[in-house]
Amino acid sequence: MKAAYLDYASLDQQDLDFQALHAVFDQLVLYPATSAAEIQSRVADVDVIITNKVMIDAATIQQCPQLKLILISATGTNNVDLAAAKACGIVVCNCQAYGTSAVAQHTLMLMLNLATSFLTYQRAVQQGEWQKASQFCLLGAPIVELAGKTLGIVGYGELGHAVARLAEAFGMKVLIAALPNRPADDSRIPFAELLPQVDFLSLHCPLTEDTRHLISHAELDAMKPSAFLINCARGGIVDEQALAQALREGKIAGAATDVLTVEPPKEGNVLLDASIPNLIVTPHNAWGSVDARQRIVDQMVENVEAFKQGRPIRQVN
């Protein structure tokens, strides 16, 4: 089988092992990136397309008579026309749960940075404030412990469970929110009731019409002034203008986000304003540990081997 990986640079920074992936194909051509104009010429004669973010639409699929398999080197499937692939008898497989540990640890890292005012103290040292201090330590910014605090989790799938386990190891009490339009029960608290109870709120739900702007002015107003918000899910779940305003007005103590509504934010973003207090923004890299990215490669190998045996796994169409 001949395969083309259309945007491998989105996954590999020269620190992954692709040997096994090469081995499952007769020929594997790696393209660092592929523009829309280049797609058709690069996939016209392949049996397998591998894509992370490059769009594979119905027209592309219909013009590839040899195409048998599409591998998505991510979990999201919105860049492939699944219906068109199915209609043409083409199997589409994705990768799943590869970044759970990475995203969970990133979430706790953000929580710890907020709880300890880490960036404030780091800047103080870099600017020479400790060197000029009248005593042995600096204590100008607040430091709180995770132990004994309440963490609210929105989205209690695999990632939410992983974050809960880490939080409990720090001695936190964990509350689970019922997502909008879903019933509460003994284990899940109505979202509106959860908000005023939490010291930290961590988002791990998908972006849907029910969760778009799930966190906006009213929700931020309902949280404690001492509470922190962490978003390692999707940018659109949080109303970015509302968050910027809430932080400037001190309605919550701080926030951290690994995601924005438009990525990369080439046209800017309200949350990139350096004057917003107590806000940490990371560049959607919570998932990107070398371990997690190598799992993607390994899962793609598994997907190909299973397809060859006539028993596809992780099939999404």
C-alpha atoms as a PDB file:
ATOM      1  CA  MET A   1       0.000   0.000   0.000  1.00  0.00           C
ATOM      2  CA  LYS A   2       1.106   3.531  -0.785  1.00  0.00           C
ATOM      3  CA  ALA A   3       0.374   6.243   1.770  1.00  0.00           C
ATOM      4  CA  ALA A   4       0.777  10.010   1.974  1.00  0.00           C
ATOM      5  CA  TYR A   5       0.956  11.872   5.286  1.00  0.00           C
ATOM      6  CA  LEU A   6      -0.121  15.383   4.343  1.00  0.00           C
ATOM      7  CA  ASP A   7       0.882  17.373   7.435  1.00  0.00           C
ATOM      8  CA  TYR A   8       3.258  15.346   9.575  1.00  0.00           C
ATOM      9  CA  ALA A   9       4.987  18.466  10.919  1.00  0.00           C
ATOM     10  CA  SER A  10       1.852  19.184  12.956  1.00  0.00           C
ATOM     11  CA  LEU A  11       2.698  16.057  14.962  1.00  0.00           C
ATOM     12  CA  ASP A  12       6.419  15.472  14.679  1.00  0.00           C
ATOM     13  CA  GLN A  13       9.131  17.852  15.808  1.00  0.00           C
ATOM     14  CA  GLN A  14      11.898  15.416  14.899  1.00  0.00           C
ATOM     15  CA  ASP A  15      11.485  13.632  18.229  1.00  0.00           C
ATOM     16  CA  LEU A  16       9.227  10.725  17.227  1.00  0.00           C
ATOM     17  CA  ASP A  17       9.960   7.243  15.875  1.00  0.00           C
ATOM     18  CA  PHE A  18       8.235   6.663  12.524  1.00  0.00           C
ATOM     19  CA  GLN A  19       9.943   3.350  11.727  1.00  0.00           C
ATOM     20  CA  ALA A  20       6.914   1.183  12.485  1.00  0.00           C
ATOM     21  CA  LEU A  21       4.662   3.472  10.450  1.00  0.00           C
ATOM     22  CA  HIS A  22       6.975   3.225   7.448  1.00  0.00           C
ATOM     23  CA  ALA A  23       7.091  -0.553   7.888  1.00  0.00           C
ATOM     24  CA  VAL A  24       3.326  -1.094   7.509  1.00  0.00           C
ATOM     25  CA  PHE A  25       3.324   0.501   4.042  1.00  0.00           C
ATOM     26  CA  ASP A  26       5.131  -0.338   0.834  1.00  0.00           C
ATOM     27  CA  GLN A  27       5.685   3.395   0.451  1.00  0.00           C
ATOM     28  CA  LEU A  28       5.020   6.283   2.823  1.00  0.00           C
ATOM     29  CA  VAL A  29       5.553   9.836   1.607  1.00  0.00           C
ATOM     30  CA  LEU A  30       5.819  12.453   4.343  1.00  0.00           C
ATOM     31  CA  TYR A  31       4.838  16.050   3.626  1.00  0.00           C
ATOM     32  CA  PRO A  32       5.494  18.613   6.390  1.00  0.00           C
ATOM     33  CA  ALA A  33       2.399  20.563   5.300  1.00  0.00           C
ATOM     34  CA  THR A  34      -0.030  20.573   2.382  1.00  0.00           C
ATOM     35  CA  SER A  35      -1.988  23.517   1.015  1.00  0.00           C
ATOM     36  CA  ALA A  36      -5.471  23.143  -0.433  1.00  0.00           C
ATOM     37  CA  ALA A  37      -4.024  23.524  -3.920  1.00  0.00           C
ATOM     38  CA  GLU A  38      -1.552  20.676  -3.356  1.00  0.00           C
ATOM     39  CA  ILE A  39      -3.920  18.058  -1.930  1.00  0.00           C
ATOM     40  CA  GLN A  40      -5.183  16.439  -5.112  1.00  0.00           C
ATOM     41  CA  SER A  41      -1.793  15.945  -6.734  1.00  0.00           C
ATOM     42  CA  ARG A  42      -0.405  14.375  -3.571  1.00  0.00           C
ATOM     43  CA  VAL A  43      -3.220  11.872  -3.002  1.00  0.00           C
ATOM     44  CA  ALA A  44      -4.313  10.995  -6.544  1.00  0.00           C
ATOM     45  CA  ASP A  45      -2.622   7.579  -6.587  1.00  0.00           C
ATOM     46  CA  VAL A  46      -2.430   6.616  -2.895  1.00  0.00           C
ATOM     47  CA  ASP A  47      -4.223   3.841  -1.044  1.00  0.00           C
ATOM     48  CA  VAL A  48      -4.030   5.616   2.301  1.00  0.00           C
ATOM     49  CA  ILE A  49      -4.268   9.286   3.259  1.00  0.00           C
ATOM     50  CA  ILE A  50      -2.962  10.394   6.645  1.00  0.00           C
ATOM     51  CA  THR A  51      -4.083  13.809   7.838  1.00  0.00           C
ATOM     52  CA  ASN A  52      -4.153  15.772  11.043  1.00  0.00           C
ATOM     53  CA  LYS A  53      -5.832  19.022   9.976  1.00  0.00           C
ATOM     54  CA  VAL A  54      -5.746  18.991   6.159  1.00  0.00           C
ATOM     55  CA  MET A  55      -9.310  18.932   4.821  1.00  0.00           C
ATOM     56  CA  ILE A  56     -10.331  15.815   2.898  1.00  0.00           C
ATOM     57  CA  ASP A  57     -13.655  16.697   1.334  1.00  0.00           C
ATOM     58  CA  ALA A  58     -16.057  14.756  -0.873  1.00  0.00           C
ATOM     59  CA  ALA A  59     -14.484  16.050  -4.098  1.00  0.00           C
ATOM     60  CA  THR A  60     -11.046  14.867  -3.042  1.00  0.00           C
ATOM     61  CA  ILE A  61     -12.370  11.464  -2.023  1.00  0.00           C
ATOM     62  CA  GLN A  62     -14.263  10.977  -5.282  1.00  0.00           C
ATOM     63  CA  GLN A  63     -11.135  11.745  -7.311  1.00  0.00           C
ATOM     64  CA  CYS A  64      -9.057   9.061  -5.588  1.00  0.00           C
ATOM     65  CA  PRO A  65     -10.096   5.737  -7.143  1.00  0.00           C
ATOM     66  CA  GLN A  66      -7.417   3.752  -5.302  1.00  0.00           C
ATOM     67  CA  LEU A  67      -8.153   5.195  -1.885  1.00  0.00           C
ATOM     68  CA  LYS A  68      -9.028   2.572   0.727  1.00  0.00           C
ATOM     69  CA  LEU A  69      -8.231   4.099   4.101  1.00  0.00           C
ATOM     70  CA  ILE A  70      -8.008   7.547   5.710  1.00  0.00           C
ATOM     71  CA  LEU A  71      -6.080   7.847   8.958  1.00  0.00           C
ATOM     72  CA  ILE A  72      -6.679  10.913  11.116  1.00  0.00           C
ATOM     73  CA  SER A  73      -3.676  11.551  13.343  1.00  0.00           C
ATOM     74  CA  ALA A  74      -5.938  13.127  15.971  1.00  0.00           C
ATOM     75  CA  THR A  75      -9.311  12.484  17.583  1.00  0.00           C
ATOM     76  CA  GLY A  76     -11.426  15.140  15.876  1.00  0.00           C
ATOM     77  CA  THR A  77     -12.989  14.096  12.572  1.00  0.00           C
ATOM     78  CA  ASN A  78     -14.346  17.415  11.298  1.00  0.00           C
ATOM     79  CA  ASN A  79     -11.639  17.673   8.605  1.00  0.00           C
ATOM     80  CA  VAL A  80     -12.830  14.538   6.766  1.00  0.00           C
ATOM     81  CA  ASP A  81     -16.161  14.092   4.986  1.00  0.00           C
ATOM     82  CA  LEU A  82     -17.127  10.863   6.740  1.00  0.00           C
ATOM     83  CA  ALA A  83     -20.326  10.356   4.771  1.00  0.00           C
ATOM     84  CA  ALA A  84     -18.558  10.693   1.433  1.00  0.00           C
ATOM     85  CA  ALA A  85     -15.867   8.264   2.545  1.00  0.00           C
ATOM     86  CA  LYS A  86     -18.464   5.728   3.650  1.00  0.00           C
ATOM     87  CA  ALA A  87     -20.362   6.066   0.388  1.00  0.00           C
ATOM     88  CA  CYS A  88     -17.152   5.234  -1.474  1.00  0.00           C
ATOM     89  CA  GLY A  89     -16.350   2.270   0.780  1.00  0.00           C
ATOM     90  CA  ILE A  90     -13.385   4.018   2.375  1.00  0.00           C
ATOM     91  CA  VAL A  91     -12.643   3.303   6.029  1.00  0.00           C
ATOM     92  CA  VAL A  92     -11.779   6.288   8.258  1.00  0.00           C
ATOM     93  CA  CYS A  93      -9.947   5.695  11.550  1.00  0.00           C
ATOM     94  CA  ASN A  94      -8.844   8.211  14.147  1.00  0.00           C
ATOM     95  CA  CYS A  95      -6.660   8.123  17.257  1.00  0.00           C
ATOM     96  CA  GLN A  96      -8.149   8.131  20.721  1.00  0.00           C
ATOM     97  CA  ALA A  97      -7.220   8.838  24.353  1.00  0.00           C
ATOM     98  CA  TYR A  98      -3.562   9.331  23.486  1.00  0.00           C
ATOM     99  CA  GLY A  99      -3.206  12.609  25.391  1.00  0.00           C
ATOM    100  CA  THR A 100      -5.082  11.885  28.611  1.00  0.00           C
ATOM    101  CA  SER A 101      -2.045  11.927  30.893  1.00  0.00           C
ATOM    102  CA  ALA A 102      -0.510  14.918  29.128  1.00  0.00           C
ATOM    103  CA  VAL A 103      -3.648  17.082  29.306  1.00  0.00           C
ATOM    104  CA  ALA A 104      -4.387  16.058  32.887  1.00  0.00           C
ATOM    105  CA  GLN A 105      -0.884  16.993  34.027  1.00  0.00           C
ATOM    106  CA  HIS A 106      -1.075  20.281  32.085  1.00  0.00           C
ATOM    107  CA  THR A 107      -4.353  21.074  33.832  1.00  0.00           C
ATOM    108  CA  LEU A 108      -2.780  20.497  37.246  1.00  0.00           C
ATOM    109  CA  MET A 109       0.259  22.529  36.197  1.00  0.00           C
ATOM    110  CA  LEU A 110      -2.009  25.481  35.397  1.00  0.00           C
ATOM    111  CA  MET A 111      -3.877  25.064  38.677  1.00  0.00           C
ATOM    112  CA  LEU A 112      -0.611  25.011  40.639  1.00  0.00           C
ATOM    113  CA  ASN A 113       0.722  28.063  38.802  1.00  0.00           C
ATOM    114  CA  LEU A 114      -2.440  29.998  39.666  1.00  0.00           C
ATOM    115  CA  ALA A 115      -2.556  28.769  43.257  1.00  0.00           C
ATOM    116  CA  THR A 116       1.055  29.767  43.934  1.00  0.00           C
ATOM    117  CA  SER A 117       1.196  32.992  41.897  1.00  0.00           C
ATOM    118  CA  PHE A 118       4.146  31.281  40.229  1.00  0.00           C
ATOM    119  CA  LEU A 119       4.545  33.651  37.287  1.00  0.00           C
ATOM    120  CA  THR A 120       4.322  36.713  39.532  1.00  0.00           C
ATOM    121  CA  TYR A 121       7.126  35.451  41.756  1.00  0.00           C
ATOM    122  CA  GLN A 122       9.224  34.342  38.793  1.00  0.00           C
ATOM    123  CA  ARG A 123       8.964  37.819  37.273  1.00  0.00           C
ATOM    124  CA  ALA A 124       9.813  39.379  40.641  1.00  0.00           C
ATOM    125  CA  VAL A 125      13.032  37.387  40.832  1.00  0.00           C
ATOM    126  CA  GLN A 126      13.923  38.198  37.233  1.00  0.00           C
ATOM    127  CA  GLN A 127      13.331  41.902  37.907  1.00  0.00           C
ATOM    128  CA  GLY A 128      15.592  41.880  40.980  1.00  0.00           C
ATOM    129  CA  GLU A 129      12.912  42.326  43.654  1.00  0.00           C
ATOM    130  CA  TRP A 130      14.104  39.402  45.787  1.00  0.00           C
ATOM    131  CA  GLN A 131      17.654  40.669  45.647  1.00  0.00           C
ATOM    132  CA  LYS A 132      16.491  43.985  47.121  1.00  0.00           C
ATOM    133  CA  ALA A 133      14.145  42.469  49.737  1.00  0.00           C
ATOM    134  CA  SER A 134      14.488  43.406  53.413  1.00  0.00           C
ATOM    135  CA  GLN A 135      13.840  39.814  54.540  1.00  0.00           C
ATOM    136  CA  PHE A 136      14.648  36.304  53.319  1.00  0.00           C
ATOM    137  CA  CYS A 137      11.489  35.778  51.227  1.00  0.00           C
ATOM    138  CA  LEU A 138       8.944  37.499  49.019  1.00  0.00           C
ATOM    139  CA  LEU A 139       5.282  37.145  49.942  1.00  0.00           C
ATOM    140  CA  GLY A 140       3.581  39.946  48.095  1.00  0.00           C
ATOM    141  CA  ALA A 141       1.283  37.784  45.946  1.00  0.00           C
ATOM    142  CA  PRO A 142      -1.267  35.334  47.379  1.00  0.00           C
ATOM    143  CA  ILE A 143      -0.405  31.641  47.723  1.00  0.00           C
ATOM    144  CA  VAL A 144      -3.123  29.082  48.378  1.00  0.00           C
ATOM    145  CA  GLU A 145      -2.964  25.321  48.863  1.00  0.00           C
ATOM    146  CA  LEU A 146      -4.889  22.858  46.728  1.00  0.00           C
ATOM    147  CA  ALA A 147      -5.455  20.640  49.761  1.00  0.00           C
ATOM    148  CA  GLY A 148      -8.923  21.171  51.153  1.00  0.00           C
ATOM    149  CA  LYS A 149     -10.116  23.175  48.153  1.00  0.00           C
ATOM    150  CA  THR A 150     -13.062  22.192  45.967  1.00  0.00           C
ATOM    151  CA  LEU A 151     -12.548  21.434  42.293  1.00  0.00           C
ATOM    152  CA  GLY A 152     -15.521  21.486  39.954  1.00  0.00           C
ATOM    153  CA  ILE A 153     -15.176  19.451  36.769  1.00  0.00           C
ATOM    154  CA  VAL A 154     -17.297  20.082  33.689  1.00  0.00           C
ATOM    155  CA  GLY A 155     -17.042  17.110  31.355  1.00  0.00           C
ATOM    156  CA  TYR A 156     -16.438  13.864  33.179  1.00  0.00           C
ATOM    157  CA  GLY A 157     -15.137  11.634  30.433  1.00  0.00           C
ATOM    158  CA  GLU A 158     -11.692  10.077  30.393  1.00  0.00           C
ATOM    159  CA  LEU A 159      -9.940  13.431  30.795  1.00  0.00           C
ATOM    160  CA  GLY A 160     -12.245  14.599  33.558  1.00  0.00           C
ATOM    161  CA  HIS A 161     -11.664  11.351  35.447  1.00  0.00           C
ATOM    162  CA  ALA A 162      -7.884  11.709  35.069  1.00  0.00           C
ATOM    163  CA  VAL A 163      -7.915  15.274  36.393  1.00  0.00           C
ATOM    164  CA  ALA A 164     -10.128  14.205  39.306  1.00  0.00           C
ATOM    165  CA  ARG A 165      -7.663  11.487  40.314  1.00  0.00           C
ATOM    166  CA  LEU A 166      -4.743  13.936  40.311  1.00  0.00           C
ATOM    167  CA  ALA A 167      -6.736  16.532  42.235  1.00  0.00           C
ATOM    168  CA  GLU A 168      -7.731  13.995  44.872  1.00  0.00           C
ATOM    169  CA  ALA A 169      -4.049  13.108  45.298  1.00  0.00           C
ATOM    170  CA  PHE A 170      -3.521  16.760  46.273  1.00  0.00           C
ATOM    171  CA  GLY A 171      -6.283  16.471  48.860  1.00  0.00           C
ATOM    172  CA  MET A 172      -8.953  18.307  46.888  1.00  0.00           C
ATOM    173  CA  LYS A 173     -12.685  17.672  47.067  1.00  0.00           C
ATOM    174  CA  VAL A 174     -14.051  16.988  43.581  1.00  0.00           C
ATOM    175  CA  LEU A 175     -17.554  17.906  42.400  1.00  0.00           C
ATOM    176  CA  ILE A 176     -18.893  16.918  38.984  1.00  0.00           C
ATOM    177  CA  ALA A 177     -21.231  19.198  37.048  1.00  0.00           C
ATOM    178  CA  ALA A 178     -24.184  17.982  35.049  1.00  0.00           C
ATOM    179  CA  LEU A 179     -23.782  19.345  31.530  1.00  0.00           C
ATOM    180  CA  PRO A 180     -26.544  21.599  30.192  1.00  0.00           C
ATOM    181  CA  ASN A 181     -29.670  19.757  29.065  1.00  0.00           C
ATOM    182  CA  ARG A 182     -28.549  16.640  30.869  1.00  0.00           C
ATOM    183  CA  PRO A 183     -30.152  15.444  34.094  1.00  0.00           C
ATOM    184  CA  ALA A 184     -28.402  15.805  37.421  1.00  0.00           C
ATOM    185  CA  ASP A 185     -28.193  12.782  39.720  1.00  0.00           C
ATOM    186  CA  ASP A 186     -26.505  11.725  42.929  1.00  0.00           C
ATOM    187  CA  SER A 187     -23.072  12.029  41.315  1.00  0.00           C
ATOM    188  CA  ARG A 188     -23.573  15.170  39.205  1.00  0.00           C
ATOM    189  CA  ILE A 189     -24.608  18.584  40.456  1.00  0.00           C
ATOM    190  CA  PRO A 190     -26.644  21.047  38.373  1.00  0.00           C
ATOM    191  CA  PHE A 191     -24.174  23.419  36.762  1.00  0.00           C
ATOM    192  CA  ALA A 192     -25.684  26.556  38.272  1.00  0.00           C
ATOM    193  CA  GLU A 193     -25.543  25.031  41.758  1.00  0.00           C
ATOM    194  CA  LEU A 194     -21.935  23.938  41.349  1.00  0.00           C
ATOM    195  CA  LEU A 195     -20.500  27.313  40.335  1.00  0.00           C
ATOM    196  CA  PRO A 196     -20.673  29.116  43.715  1.00  0.00           C
ATOM    197  CA  GLN A 197     -19.247  26.089  45.531  1.00  0.00           C
ATOM    198  CA  VAL A 198     -15.936  25.656  43.726  1.00  0.00           C
ATOM    199  CA  ASP A 199     -12.495  27.093  44.330  1.00  0.00           C
ATOM    200  CA  PHE A 200     -11.297  25.830  40.955  1.00  0.00           C
ATOM    201  CA  LEU A 201     -13.414  25.108  37.872  1.00  0.00           C
ATOM    202  CA  SER A 202     -11.851  22.905  35.176  1.00  0.00           C
ATOM    203  CA  LEU A 203     -13.439  22.448  31.746  1.00  0.00           C
ATOM    204  CA  HIS A 204     -13.109  19.157  29.846  1.00  0.00           C
ATOM    205  CA  CYS A 205     -16.315  19.006  27.809  1.00  0.00           C
ATOM    206  CA  PRO A 206     -16.669  19.124  24.015  1.00  0.00           C
ATOM    207  CA  LEU A 207     -17.712  22.300  22.230  1.00  0.00           C
ATOM    208  CA  THR A 208     -21.344  21.895  21.179  1.00  0.00           C
ATOM    209  CA  GLU A 209     -24.302  24.217  20.795  1.00  0.00           C
ATOM    210  CA  ASP A 210     -25.133  23.416  24.425  1.00  0.00           C
ATOM    211  CA  THR A 211     -21.658  24.293  25.700  1.00  0.00           C
ATOM    212  CA  ARG A 212     -20.807  27.300  23.510  1.00  0.00           C
ATOM    213  CA  HIS A 213     -20.226  30.243  25.883  1.00  0.00           C
ATOM    214  CA  LEU A 214     -21.075  27.948  28.767  1.00  0.00           C
ATOM    215  CA  ILE A 215     -18.933  30.329  30.831  1.00  0.00           C
ATOM    216  CA  SER A 216     -20.025  33.927  30.307  1.00  0.00           C
ATOM    217  CA  HIS A 217     -20.879  36.953  32.439  1.00  0.00           C
ATOM    218  CA  ALA A 218     -23.569  35.310  34.588  1.00  0.00           C
ATOM    219  CA  GLU A 219     -21.488  32.216  35.301  1.00  0.00           C
ATOM    220  CA  LEU A 220     -18.384  34.232  36.204  1.00  0.00           C
ATOM    221  CA  ASP A 221     -20.508  36.431  38.469  1.00  0.00           C
ATOM    222  CA  ALA A 222     -21.770  33.287  40.219  1.00  0.00           C
ATOM    223  CA  MET A 223     -18.269  32.065  41.095  1.00  0.00           C
ATOM    224  CA  LYS A 224     -16.407  33.043  44.246  1.00  0.00           C
ATOM    225  CA  PRO A 225     -14.111  36.080  43.922  1.00  0.00           C
ATOM    226  CA  SER A 226     -11.346  33.742  45.118  1.00  0.00           C
ATOM    227  CA  ALA A 227     -12.058  31.079  42.472  1.00  0.00           C
ATOM    228  CA  PHE A 228      -9.929  30.106  39.475  1.00  0.00           C
ATOM    229  CA  LEU A 229     -11.030  28.956  36.011  1.00  0.00           C
ATOM    230  CA  ILE A 230      -9.032  26.479  33.875  1.00  0.00           C
ATOM    231  CA  ASN A 231      -9.917  25.668  30.273  1.00  0.00           C
ATOM    232  CA  CYS A 232      -8.090  22.814  28.555  1.00  0.00           C
ATOM    233  CA  ALA A 233     -11.114  21.922  26.412  1.00  0.00           C
ATOM    234  CA  ARG A 234     -12.117  24.275  23.567  1.00  0.00           C
ATOM    235  CA  GLY A 235     -11.951  28.047  23.250  1.00  0.00           C
ATOM    236  CA  GLY A 236     -15.575  28.643  22.404  1.00  0.00           C
ATOM    237  CA  ILE A 237     -16.762  27.178  25.697  1.00  0.00           C
ATOM    238  CA  VAL A 238     -15.659  30.396  27.393  1.00  0.00           C
ATOM    239  CA  ASP A 239     -16.881  33.837  26.374  1.00  0.00           C
ATOM    240  CA  GLU A 240     -13.465  35.443  26.036  1.00  0.00           C
ATOM    241  CA  GLN A 241     -14.690  39.036  26.338  1.00  0.00           C
ATOM    242  CA  ALA A 242     -16.571  38.126  29.517  1.00  0.00           C
ATOM    243  CA  LEU A 243     -13.506  36.431  31.000  1.00  0.00           C
ATOM    244  CA  ALA A 244     -11.242  39.385  30.246  1.00  0.00           C
ATOM    245  CA  GLN A 245     -13.734  41.734  31.895  1.00  0.00           C
ATOM    246  CA  ALA A 246     -14.186  39.478  34.941  1.00  0.00           C
ATOM    247  CA  LEU A 247     -10.430  39.298  35.517  1.00  0.00           C
ATOM    248  CA  ARG A 248     -10.003  43.048  35.155  1.00  0.00           C
ATOM    249  CA  GLU A 249     -12.851  43.652  37.616  1.00  0.00           C
ATOM    250  CA  GLY A 250     -11.608  41.034  40.084  1.00  0.00           C
ATOM    251  CA  LYS A 251     -14.757  38.940  39.856  1.00  0.00           C
ATOM    252  CA  ILE A 252     -12.620  35.788  39.958  1.00  0.00           C
ATOM    253  CA  ALA A 253      -9.058  35.417  41.220  1.00  0.00           C
ATOM    254  CA  GLY A 254      -7.485  34.130  38.037  1.00  0.00           C
ATOM    255  CA  ALA A 255      -7.778  31.943  34.974  1.00  0.00           C
ATOM    256  CA  ALA A 256      -5.694  29.786  32.671  1.00  0.00           C
ATOM    257  CA  THR A 257      -6.509  28.610  29.180  1.00  0.00           C
ATOM    258  CA  ASP A 258      -4.758  26.347  26.707  1.00  0.00           C
ATOM    259  CA  VAL A 259      -7.264  27.145  23.956  1.00  0.00           C
ATOM    260  CA  LEU A 260      -8.685  30.138  22.098  1.00  0.00           C
ATOM    261  CA  THR A 261     -11.638  30.498  19.750  1.00  0.00           C
ATOM    262  CA  VAL A 262      -9.378  30.923  16.695  1.00  0.00           C
ATOM    263  CA  GLU A 263      -6.054  29.093  16.563  1.00  0.00           C
ATOM    264  CA  PRO A 264      -3.459  30.206  15.811  1.00  0.00           C
ATOM    265  CA  PRO A 265      -4.624  33.713  16.847  1.00  0.00           C
ATOM    266  CA  LYS A 266      -3.085  35.478  13.853  1.00  0.00           C
ATOM    267  CA  GLU A 267      -5.561  38.342  14.082  1.00  0.00           C
ATOM    268  CA  GLY A 268      -5.057  38.683  17.845  1.00  0.00           C
ATOM    269  CA  ASN A 269      -7.390  37.778  20.678  1.00  0.00           C
ATOM    270  CA  VAL A 270      -8.793  39.686  23.626  1.00  0.00           C
ATOM    271  CA  LEU A 271      -7.126  37.237  26.034  1.00  0.00           C
ATOM    272  CA  LEU A 272      -3.667  37.988  24.642  1.00  0.00           C
ATOM    273  CA  ASP A 273      -3.707  41.471  26.161  1.00  0.00           C
ATOM    274  CA  ALA A 274      -0.820  41.466  28.626  1.00  0.00           C
ATOM    275  CA  SER A 275      -2.653  43.940  30.886  1.00  0.00           C
ATOM    276  CA  ILE A 276      -5.236  41.331  31.925  1.00  0.00           C
ATOM    277  CA  PRO A 277      -4.324  40.327  35.492  1.00  0.00           C
ATOM    278  CA  ASN A 278      -3.826  36.751  36.702  1.00  0.00           C
ATOM    279  CA  LEU A 279      -4.309  35.105  33.317  1.00  0.00           C
ATOM    280  CA  ILE A 280      -2.142  32.329  31.915  1.00  0.00           C
ATOM    281  CA  VAL A 281      -2.420  31.425  28.222  1.00  0.00           C
ATOM    282  CA  THR A 282      -0.618  28.389  26.797  1.00  0.00           C
ATOM    283  CA  PRO A 283      -0.558  27.676  23.018  1.00  0.00           C
ATOM    284  CA  HIS A 284      -2.858  24.620  22.775  1.00  0.00           C
ATOM    285  CA  ASN A 285       0.042  22.353  23.671  1.00  0.00           C
ATOM    286  CA  ALA A 286      -1.419  20.521  26.670  1.00  0.00           C
ATOM    287  CA  TRP A 287      -1.702  17.379  24.538  1.00  0.00           C
ATOM    288  CA  GLY A 288       1.763  17.631  23.030  1.00  0.00           C
ATOM    289  CA  SER A 289       4.061  15.535  25.214  1.00  0.00           C
ATOM    290  CA  VAL A 290       6.462  13.339  23.262  1.00  0.00           C
ATOM    291  CA  ASP A 291       4.764  10.362  24.912  1.00  0.00           C
ATOM    292  CA  ALA A 292       1.305  11.381  23.690  1.00  0.00           C
ATOM    293  CA  ARG A 293       2.471  12.136  20.169  1.00  0.00           C
ATOM    294  CA  GLN A 294       4.286   8.803  19.947  1.00  0.00           C
ATOM    295  CA  ARG A 295       1.037   7.097  20.999  1.00  0.00           C
ATOM    296  CA  ILE A 296      -0.622   8.689  17.965  1.00  0.00           C
ATOM    297  CA  VAL A 297       1.984   7.140  15.681  1.00  0.00           C
ATOM    298  CA  ASP A 298       1.631   3.785  17.422  1.00  0.00           C
ATOM    299  CA  GLN A 299      -2.165   3.895  17.157  1.00  0.00           C
ATOM    300  CA  MET A 300      -1.958   4.651  13.441  1.00  0.00           C
ATOM    301  CA  VAL A 301       0.220   1.563  13.016  1.00  0.00           C
ATOM    302  CA  GLU A 302      -2.371  -0.477  14.916  1.00  0.00           C
ATOM    303  CA  ASN A 303      -5.139   0.984  12.740  1.00  0.00           C
ATOM    304  CA  VAL A 304      -3.342  -0.020   9.534  1.00  0.00           C
ATOM    305  CA  GLU A 305      -2.547  -3.522  10.761  1.00  0.00           C
ATOM    306  CA  ALA A 306      -6.155  -4.092  11.832  1.00  0.00           C
ATOM    307  CA  PHE A 307      -7.420  -2.768   8.478  1.00  0.00           C
ATOM    308  CA  LYS A 308      -5.158  -5.176   6.605  1.00  0.00           C
ATOM    309  CA  GLN A 309      -6.653  -8.025   8.616  1.00  0.00           C
ATOM    310  CA  GLY A 310     -10.162  -6.939   7.713  1.00  0.00           C
ATOM    311  CA  ARG A 311     -11.025  -5.908  11.269  1.00  0.00           C
ATOM    312  CA  PRO A 312     -10.752  -2.101  11.417  1.00  0.00           C
ATOM    313  CA  ILE A 313     -10.371  -0.504  14.827  1.00  0.00           C
ATOM    314  CA  ARG A 314     -11.118   3.074  15.874  1.00  0.00           C
ATOM    315  CA  GLN A 315     -13.295   3.379  12.771  1.00  0.00           C
ATOM    316  CA  VAL A 316     -15.380   6.563  12.820  1.00  0.00           C
ATOM    317  CA  ASN A 317     -17.533   6.227   9.693  1.00  0.00           C
END
